[in-house]
Amino acid sequence: MPFKVFISASMKDRAIVQELKSTIVKYGITAMSVDEMPANENVEHYIRNQIWSTDCFLAIIGNDSTQSRNVDLEMGMAVSYNKVIVPIVEEGASIPRSIASRQFILIDKDNPRLSYERAANYLNQLKMEQDKRNSIGGLVLLGLGILLLGALASSSE
């Protein structure tokens, strides 16, 4: 199952979203945002489903984000769905109280690509941890299946 992230940002931060997406996909991570929403889709329904189905939520906190009602609503959804939230904060932006206690990645104005790489590396670590958990779960199920087959075979004798 692919590792999926939802990127939340103000409309004014769309360039950051696109740059971040192009960096993240190099790691085999699926990046979603409202940009992929079909034209006839209900916005709130689409966003809810996307956030619900993702493994991680990236919040781009730029200078305009604190005034964006959508970023606030999306962050609230991510919190309510217990998603891993990774704030990516533009230098000089004020951090919303709801995520102020979290570690964040600072977007370096002089070298923003380095910041996007840091975010992608962190997401890749999360992806590898998830892959490891899934592999262990698969091995446990395989072991249980073998035990069950053994029990069935011995009971039919």
N, C-alpha and C. Protein backbone atom coordinates (compact mmCIF):
# COMPACT_ATOMS: atom_id res chain seq x y z
N MET A 1 0.84 -1.17 0.00
CA MET A 1 0.00 0.00 0.00
C MET A 1 0.89 1.24 0.00
N PRO A 2 0.67 2.17 -0.90
CA PRO A 2 1.55 3.35 -0.97
C PRO A 2 1.37 4.26 0.25
N PHE A 3 2.44 4.93 0.61
CA PHE A 3 2.40 5.91 1.69
C PHE A 3 1.84 7.20 1.09
N LYS A 4 0.78 7.72 1.71
CA LYS A 4 0.10 8.90 1.17
C LYS A 4 0.14 10.06 2.15
N VAL A 5 0.36 11.26 1.60
CA VAL A 5 0.31 12.47 2.42
C VAL A 5 -0.67 13.46 1.80
N PHE A 6 -1.31 14.24 2.65
CA PHE A 6 -2.17 15.33 2.18
C PHE A 6 -1.45 16.62 2.52
N ILE A 7 -1.35 17.51 1.54
CA ILE A 7 -0.68 18.80 1.75
C ILE A 7 -1.73 19.90 1.81
N SER A 8 -1.75 20.59 2.93
CA SER A 8 -2.68 21.69 3.14
C SER A 8 -1.92 23.01 3.06
N ALA A 9 -2.46 23.95 2.28
CA ALA A 9 -1.79 25.25 2.13
C ALA A 9 -2.80 26.29 1.67
N SER A 10 -2.49 27.52 1.91
CA SER A 10 -3.30 28.61 1.39
C SER A 10 -3.10 28.68 -0.12
N MET A 11 -4.04 29.23 -0.82
CA MET A 11 -3.94 29.33 -2.28
C MET A 11 -2.69 30.11 -2.70
N LYS A 12 -2.25 31.03 -1.86
CA LYS A 12 -1.07 31.84 -2.18
C LYS A 12 0.23 31.04 -2.05
N ASP A 13 0.15 29.86 -1.41
CA ASP A 13 1.33 29.03 -1.23
C ASP A 13 1.36 27.84 -2.19
N ARG A 14 0.62 27.92 -3.29
CA ARG A 14 0.54 26.82 -4.27
C ARG A 14 1.89 26.48 -4.88
N ALA A 15 2.76 27.47 -5.05
CA ALA A 15 4.09 27.20 -5.61
C ALA A 15 4.89 26.30 -4.66
N ILE A 16 4.76 26.54 -3.36
CA ILE A 16 5.43 25.70 -2.37
C ILE A 16 4.89 24.27 -2.46
N VAL A 17 3.56 24.15 -2.58
CA VAL A 17 2.92 22.83 -2.67
C VAL A 17 3.48 22.06 -3.87
N GLN A 18 3.53 22.70 -5.02
CA GLN A 18 4.01 22.02 -6.23
C GLN A 18 5.47 21.61 -6.11
N GLU A 19 6.27 22.47 -5.56
CA GLU A 19 7.70 22.18 -5.38
C GLU A 19 7.88 21.02 -4.39
N LEU A 20 7.12 21.05 -3.32
CA LEU A 20 7.18 19.99 -2.31
C LEU A 20 6.72 18.66 -2.89
N LYS A 21 5.62 18.68 -3.65
CA LYS A 21 5.11 17.46 -4.28
C LYS A 21 6.16 16.84 -5.19
N SER A 22 6.80 17.66 -6.01
CA SER A 22 7.78 17.12 -6.95
C SER A 22 8.98 16.50 -6.21
N THR A 23 9.26 16.97 -5.02
CA THR A 23 10.34 16.39 -4.22
C THR A 23 9.89 15.09 -3.55
N ILE A 24 8.68 15.09 -3.01
CA ILE A 24 8.15 13.94 -2.28
C ILE A 24 7.98 12.71 -3.17
N VAL A 25 7.48 12.91 -4.38
CA VAL A 25 7.18 11.76 -5.25
C VAL A 25 8.45 10.99 -5.64
N LYS A 26 9.60 11.63 -5.56
CA LYS A 26 10.87 10.94 -5.86
C LYS A 26 11.13 9.80 -4.87
N TYR A 27 10.48 9.85 -3.72
CA TYR A 27 10.64 8.84 -2.69
C TYR A 27 9.53 7.77 -2.74
N GLY A 28 8.73 7.81 -3.79
CA GLY A 28 7.65 6.83 -3.91
C GLY A 28 6.47 7.13 -3.00
N ILE A 29 6.33 8.37 -2.62
CA ILE A 29 5.24 8.79 -1.73
C ILE A 29 4.19 9.50 -2.57
N THR A 30 2.93 9.17 -2.32
CA THR A 30 1.83 9.82 -3.03
C THR A 30 1.46 11.09 -2.29
N ALA A 31 1.47 12.22 -2.99
CA ALA A 31 1.15 13.52 -2.39
C ALA A 31 -0.17 14.03 -2.96
N MET A 32 -1.11 14.33 -2.08
CA MET A 32 -2.43 14.82 -2.49
C MET A 32 -2.64 16.23 -1.95
N SER A 33 -3.45 16.99 -2.68
CA SER A 33 -3.88 18.32 -2.22
C SER A 33 -5.19 18.63 -2.93
N VAL A 34 -5.74 19.78 -2.68
CA VAL A 34 -6.99 20.14 -3.36
C VAL A 34 -6.79 20.33 -4.86
N ASP A 35 -5.54 20.43 -5.28
CA ASP A 35 -5.25 20.62 -6.71
C ASP A 35 -5.74 19.45 -7.57
N GLU A 36 -5.82 18.25 -6.99
CA GLU A 36 -6.26 17.07 -7.74
C GLU A 36 -7.77 16.88 -7.74
N MET A 37 -8.48 17.74 -7.04
CA MET A 37 -9.92 17.57 -6.90
C MET A 37 -10.65 17.71 -8.23
N PRO A 38 -11.49 16.70 -8.58
CA PRO A 38 -12.29 16.82 -9.81
C PRO A 38 -13.23 18.03 -9.74
N ALA A 39 -13.51 18.61 -10.88
CA ALA A 39 -14.31 19.85 -10.94
C ALA A 39 -15.70 19.70 -10.34
N ASN A 40 -16.31 18.53 -10.46
CA ASN A 40 -17.69 18.38 -9.99
C ASN A 40 -17.79 17.85 -8.55
N GLU A 41 -16.67 17.76 -7.87
CA GLU A 41 -16.63 17.19 -6.52
C GLU A 41 -16.98 18.23 -5.46
N ASN A 42 -17.65 17.79 -4.39
CA ASN A 42 -17.92 18.64 -3.22
C ASN A 42 -16.60 18.83 -2.48
N VAL A 43 -16.19 20.06 -2.27
CA VAL A 43 -14.87 20.38 -1.71
C VAL A 43 -14.68 19.74 -0.34
N GLU A 44 -15.61 19.97 0.57
CA GLU A 44 -15.45 19.45 1.94
C GLU A 44 -15.41 17.92 1.94
N HIS A 45 -16.29 17.30 1.16
CA HIS A 45 -16.33 15.84 1.08
C HIS A 45 -15.00 15.30 0.54
N TYR A 46 -14.49 15.92 -0.51
CA TYR A 46 -13.23 15.50 -1.11
C TYR A 46 -12.08 15.60 -0.10
N ILE A 47 -11.98 16.74 0.55
CA ILE A 47 -10.89 16.96 1.51
C ILE A 47 -10.99 15.98 2.66
N ARG A 48 -12.18 15.79 3.21
CA ARG A 48 -12.37 14.82 4.31
C ARG A 48 -11.88 13.43 3.91
N ASN A 49 -12.32 12.98 2.73
CA ASN A 49 -11.92 11.65 2.26
C ASN A 49 -10.41 11.55 2.04
N GLN A 50 -9.82 12.60 1.48
CA GLN A 50 -8.37 12.57 1.23
C GLN A 50 -7.59 12.53 2.54
N ILE A 51 -7.98 13.36 3.50
CA ILE A 51 -7.27 13.39 4.77
C ILE A 51 -7.46 12.06 5.51
N TRP A 52 -8.68 11.54 5.48
CA TRP A 52 -8.98 10.27 6.14
C TRP A 52 -8.10 9.14 5.57
N SER A 53 -7.89 9.15 4.26
CA SER A 53 -7.19 8.04 3.61
C SER A 53 -5.67 8.20 3.58
N THR A 54 -5.14 9.28 4.13
CA THR A 54 -3.70 9.49 4.09
C THR A 54 -3.02 9.01 5.37
N ASP A 55 -1.72 8.83 5.27
CA ASP A 55 -0.92 8.41 6.41
C ASP A 55 -0.37 9.59 7.19
N CYS A 56 -0.28 10.72 6.52
CA CYS A 56 0.37 11.88 7.12
C CYS A 56 -0.23 13.17 6.54
N PHE A 57 -0.22 14.21 7.33
CA PHE A 57 -0.77 15.51 6.94
C PHE A 57 0.33 16.56 7.01
N LEU A 58 0.59 17.20 5.88
CA LEU A 58 1.58 18.28 5.84
C LEU A 58 0.85 19.61 5.85
N ALA A 59 1.19 20.46 6.78
CA ALA A 59 0.57 21.79 6.86
C ALA A 59 1.61 22.83 6.46
N ILE A 60 1.41 23.46 5.31
CA ILE A 60 2.30 24.55 4.89
C ILE A 60 1.82 25.81 5.61
N ILE A 61 2.65 26.30 6.49
CA ILE A 61 2.30 27.49 7.26
C ILE A 61 3.12 28.64 6.70
N GLY A 62 2.49 29.38 5.80
CA GLY A 62 3.13 30.55 5.22
C GLY A 62 2.57 31.80 5.87
N ASN A 63 2.99 32.94 5.40
CA ASN A 63 2.50 34.19 5.96
C ASN A 63 1.00 34.37 5.74
N ASP A 64 0.44 33.72 4.71
CA ASP A 64 -0.98 33.85 4.43
C ASP A 64 -1.81 32.73 5.06
N SER A 65 -1.18 31.68 5.55
CA SER A 65 -1.90 30.51 6.07
C SER A 65 -2.74 30.83 7.28
N THR A 66 -2.24 31.72 8.14
CA THR A 66 -2.98 32.02 9.36
C THR A 66 -4.29 32.72 9.06
N GLN A 67 -4.43 33.26 7.87
CA GLN A 67 -5.69 33.89 7.49
C GLN A 67 -6.54 32.98 6.63
N SER A 68 -6.06 31.78 6.35
CA SER A 68 -6.78 30.84 5.49
C SER A 68 -7.69 29.95 6.32
N ARG A 69 -8.97 30.10 6.13
CA ARG A 69 -9.96 29.30 6.84
C ARG A 69 -9.82 27.83 6.47
N ASN A 70 -9.50 27.54 5.20
CA ASN A 70 -9.38 26.16 4.75
C ASN A 70 -8.24 25.43 5.44
N VAL A 71 -7.09 26.08 5.58
CA VAL A 71 -5.95 25.44 6.24
C VAL A 71 -6.34 25.09 7.68
N ASP A 72 -7.02 25.99 8.35
CA ASP A 72 -7.49 25.76 9.72
C ASP A 72 -8.44 24.56 9.79
N LEU A 73 -9.42 24.51 8.88
CA LEU A 73 -10.38 23.40 8.86
C LEU A 73 -9.69 22.08 8.56
N GLU A 74 -8.79 22.09 7.59
CA GLU A 74 -8.08 20.86 7.21
C GLU A 74 -7.21 20.36 8.37
N MET A 75 -6.56 21.28 9.08
CA MET A 75 -5.75 20.90 10.22
C MET A 75 -6.62 20.29 11.31
N GLY A 76 -7.80 20.88 11.52
CA GLY A 76 -8.74 20.34 12.51
C GLY A 76 -9.16 18.92 12.15
N MET A 77 -9.40 18.67 10.86
CA MET A 77 -9.76 17.31 10.42
C MET A 77 -8.61 16.35 10.69
N ALA A 78 -7.40 16.77 10.37
CA ALA A 78 -6.23 15.89 10.58
C ALA A 78 -6.06 15.55 12.06
N VAL A 79 -6.27 16.54 12.91
CA VAL A 79 -6.18 16.30 14.35
C VAL A 79 -7.26 15.32 14.78
N SER A 80 -8.49 15.54 14.30
CA SER A 80 -9.59 14.66 14.71
C SER A 80 -9.44 13.24 14.19
N TYR A 81 -8.73 13.05 13.09
CA TYR A 81 -8.48 11.72 12.53
C TYR A 81 -7.17 11.11 13.06
N ASN A 82 -6.54 11.80 14.01
CA ASN A 82 -5.28 11.33 14.62
C ASN A 82 -4.18 11.09 13.59
N LYS A 83 -4.07 11.96 12.63
CA LYS A 83 -3.03 11.85 11.61
C LYS A 83 -1.71 12.42 12.13
N VAL A 84 -0.62 11.89 11.62
CA VAL A 84 0.69 12.48 11.90
C VAL A 84 0.69 13.83 11.19
N ILE A 85 0.96 14.89 11.92
CA ILE A 85 0.94 16.24 11.33
C ILE A 85 2.37 16.78 11.30
N VAL A 86 2.80 17.17 10.11
CA VAL A 86 4.13 17.73 9.92
C VAL A 86 3.97 19.18 9.45
N PRO A 87 4.16 20.14 10.35
CA PRO A 87 4.11 21.55 9.92
C PRO A 87 5.39 21.93 9.17
N ILE A 88 5.21 22.59 8.06
CA ILE A 88 6.33 23.13 7.28
C ILE A 88 6.12 24.63 7.27
N VAL A 89 6.97 25.34 7.96
CA VAL A 89 6.73 26.75 8.28
C VAL A 89 7.67 27.66 7.53
N GLU A 90 7.07 28.65 6.86
CA GLU A 90 7.84 29.67 6.16
C GLU A 90 8.44 30.63 7.19
N GLU A 91 9.67 31.04 6.97
CA GLU A 91 10.30 31.99 7.88
C GLU A 91 9.41 33.21 8.06
N GLY A 92 9.20 33.62 9.31
CA GLY A 92 8.42 34.82 9.60
C GLY A 92 6.94 34.56 9.80
N ALA A 93 6.46 33.37 9.49
CA ALA A 93 5.03 33.06 9.65
C ALA A 93 4.74 32.76 11.11
N SER A 94 3.55 33.14 11.55
CA SER A 94 3.16 32.81 12.92
C SER A 94 2.51 31.43 12.93
N ILE A 95 2.90 30.63 13.89
CA ILE A 95 2.44 29.25 13.99
C ILE A 95 1.12 29.21 14.77
N PRO A 96 0.09 28.56 14.20
CA PRO A 96 -1.19 28.45 14.90
C PRO A 96 -1.02 27.71 16.23
N ARG A 97 -1.81 28.11 17.23
CA ARG A 97 -1.73 27.50 18.55
C ARG A 97 -1.94 25.99 18.51
N SER A 98 -2.80 25.53 17.60
CA SER A 98 -3.13 24.11 17.54
C SER A 98 -1.94 23.21 17.23
N ILE A 99 -0.89 23.77 16.63
CA ILE A 99 0.28 22.96 16.30
C ILE A 99 1.58 23.55 16.86
N ALA A 100 1.45 24.55 17.72
CA ALA A 100 2.63 25.25 18.23
C ALA A 100 3.58 24.34 19.01
N SER A 101 3.06 23.29 19.63
CA SER A 101 3.91 22.41 20.44
C SER A 101 4.61 21.33 19.61
N ARG A 102 4.30 21.24 18.32
CA ARG A 102 4.88 20.21 17.46
C ARG A 102 6.22 20.68 16.88
N GLN A 103 7.07 19.70 16.59
CA GLN A 103 8.29 20.03 15.85
C GLN A 103 7.88 20.39 14.44
N PHE A 104 8.63 21.26 13.82
CA PHE A 104 8.30 21.66 12.45
C PHE A 104 9.56 21.80 11.62
N ILE A 105 9.34 21.85 10.32
CA ILE A 105 10.43 22.06 9.37
C ILE A 105 10.34 23.50 8.90
N LEU A 106 11.41 24.24 9.06
CA LEU A 106 11.44 25.65 8.67
C LEU A 106 11.86 25.76 7.21
N ILE A 107 11.09 26.51 6.43
CA ILE A 107 11.46 26.76 5.02
C ILE A 107 12.50 27.86 5.00
N ASP A 108 13.69 27.50 4.61
CA ASP A 108 14.80 28.43 4.51
C ASP A 108 14.59 29.29 3.26
N LYS A 109 14.46 30.59 3.45
CA LYS A 109 14.21 31.48 2.30
C LYS A 109 15.36 31.47 1.30
N ASP A 110 16.58 31.26 1.79
CA ASP A 110 17.74 31.25 0.90
C ASP A 110 17.86 29.94 0.12
N ASN A 111 17.36 28.85 0.71
CA ASN A 111 17.47 27.55 0.05
C ASN A 111 16.23 26.70 0.36
N PRO A 112 15.08 27.07 -0.21
CA PRO A 112 13.84 26.34 0.11
C PRO A 112 13.88 24.87 -0.31
N ARG A 113 14.61 24.55 -1.38
CA ARG A 113 14.67 23.15 -1.83
C ARG A 113 15.28 22.23 -0.78
N LEU A 114 16.24 22.75 -0.03
CA LEU A 114 16.83 21.98 1.05
C LEU A 114 15.76 21.64 2.10
N SER A 115 14.90 22.59 2.38
CA SER A 115 13.81 22.37 3.34
C SER A 115 12.84 21.31 2.81
N TYR A 116 12.55 21.33 1.51
CA TYR A 116 11.64 20.34 0.92
C TYR A 116 12.28 18.95 0.97
N GLU A 117 13.60 18.90 0.78
CA GLU A 117 14.32 17.63 0.88
C GLU A 117 14.26 17.09 2.30
N ARG A 118 14.41 17.98 3.28
CA ARG A 118 14.31 17.56 4.68
C ARG A 118 12.94 16.95 4.95
N ALA A 119 11.90 17.62 4.46
CA ALA A 119 10.54 17.12 4.64
C ALA A 119 10.38 15.76 3.97
N ALA A 120 10.88 15.63 2.75
CA ALA A 120 10.77 14.37 2.01
C ALA A 120 11.53 13.25 2.72
N ASN A 121 12.70 13.55 3.26
CA ASN A 121 13.48 12.56 4.01
C ASN A 121 12.72 12.10 5.25
N TYR A 122 12.12 13.05 5.95
CA TYR A 122 11.34 12.70 7.15
C TYR A 122 10.15 11.81 6.76
N LEU A 123 9.45 12.17 5.70
CA LEU A 123 8.32 11.37 5.24
C LEU A 123 8.79 9.97 4.81
N ASN A 124 9.95 9.90 4.19
CA ASN A 124 10.49 8.61 3.78
C ASN A 124 10.78 7.73 5.00
N GLN A 125 11.26 8.35 6.08
CA GLN A 125 11.48 7.59 7.32
C GLN A 125 10.16 7.03 7.84
N LEU A 126 9.12 7.87 7.83
CA LEU A 126 7.80 7.41 8.26
C LEU A 126 7.31 6.26 7.38
N LYS A 127 7.54 6.40 6.08
CA LYS A 127 7.13 5.37 5.12
C LYS A 127 7.85 4.05 5.41
N MET A 128 9.16 4.12 5.66
CA MET A 128 9.93 2.90 5.93
C MET A 128 9.47 2.24 7.23
N GLU A 129 9.14 3.06 8.24
CA GLU A 129 8.61 2.50 9.50
C GLU A 129 7.29 1.79 9.25
N GLN A 130 6.43 2.41 8.43
CA GLN A 130 5.14 1.79 8.11
C GLN A 130 5.35 0.49 7.32
N ASP A 131 6.27 0.50 6.36
CA ASP A 131 6.57 -0.71 5.59
C ASP A 131 7.05 -1.83 6.50
N LYS A 132 7.88 -1.47 7.47
CA LYS A 132 8.40 -2.47 8.42
C LYS A 132 7.25 -3.06 9.25
N ARG A 133 6.37 -2.20 9.76
CA ARG A 133 5.22 -2.68 10.54
C ARG A 133 4.34 -3.59 9.69
N ASN A 134 4.12 -3.20 8.42
CA ASN A 134 3.29 -4.02 7.53
C ASN A 134 3.95 -5.36 7.25
N SER A 135 5.27 -5.38 7.09
CA SER A 135 5.99 -6.63 6.85
C SER A 135 5.89 -7.55 8.05
N ILE A 136 6.06 -7.00 9.23
CA ILE A 136 5.96 -7.81 10.46
C ILE A 136 4.55 -8.36 10.59
N GLY A 137 3.55 -7.52 10.31
CA GLY A 137 2.15 -7.97 10.36
C GLY A 137 1.89 -9.10 9.37
N GLY A 138 2.48 -8.98 8.18
CA GLY A 138 2.33 -10.02 7.16
C GLY A 138 2.96 -11.33 7.61
N LEU A 139 4.14 -11.25 8.24
CA LEU A 139 4.81 -12.45 8.73
C LEU A 139 4.02 -13.12 9.85
N VAL A 140 3.43 -12.30 10.72
CA VAL A 140 2.59 -12.84 11.80
C VAL A 140 1.39 -13.58 11.21
N LEU A 141 0.74 -12.97 10.22
CA LEU A 141 -0.40 -13.63 9.57
C LEU A 141 0.02 -14.91 8.87
N LEU A 142 1.16 -14.90 8.22
CA LEU A 142 1.66 -16.10 7.56
C LEU A 142 1.90 -17.21 8.58
N GLY A 143 2.52 -16.87 9.70
CA GLY A 143 2.76 -17.84 10.76
C GLY A 143 1.47 -18.41 11.32
N LEU A 144 0.49 -17.56 11.53
CA LEU A 144 -0.82 -18.02 12.03
C LEU A 144 -1.49 -18.94 11.01
N GLY A 145 -1.34 -18.60 9.74
CA GLY A 145 -1.92 -19.43 8.68
C GLY A 145 -1.28 -20.81 8.65
N ILE A 146 0.02 -20.86 8.80
CA ILE A 146 0.73 -22.14 8.82
C ILE A 146 0.29 -22.97 10.03
N LEU A 147 0.18 -22.32 11.19
CA LEU A 147 -0.29 -23.03 12.39
C LEU A 147 -1.70 -23.58 12.19
N LEU A 148 -2.57 -22.78 11.61
CA LEU A 148 -3.95 -23.19 11.35
C LEU A 148 -3.99 -24.36 10.39
N LEU A 149 -3.20 -24.31 9.33
CA LEU A 149 -3.14 -25.43 8.37
C LEU A 149 -2.62 -26.69 9.05
N GLY A 150 -1.62 -26.53 9.89
CA GLY A 150 -1.10 -27.68 10.63
C GLY A 150 -2.13 -28.29 11.54
N ALA A 151 -2.88 -27.43 12.23
CA ALA A 151 -3.93 -27.91 13.13
C ALA A 151 -5.04 -28.61 12.35
N LEU A 152 -5.41 -28.05 11.22
CA LEU A 152 -6.45 -28.67 10.39
C LEU A 152 -5.99 -30.01 9.84
N ALA A 153 -4.74 -30.06 9.43
CA ALA A 153 -4.20 -31.31 8.88
C ALA A 153 -4.14 -32.40 9.94
N SER A 154 -3.76 -32.07 11.17
CA SER A 154 -3.66 -33.08 12.21
C SER A 154 -5.03 -33.49 12.73
N SER A 155 -6.02 -32.59 12.66
CA SER A 155 -7.37 -32.95 13.12
C SER A 155 -8.11 -33.82 12.10
N SER A 156 -7.71 -33.77 10.85
CA SER A 156 -8.38 -34.57 9.81
C SER A 156 -7.81 -35.99 9.72
N GLU A 157 -6.69 -36.24 10.43
CA GLU A 157 -6.08 -37.58 10.39
C GLU A 157 -6.76 -38.52 11.30
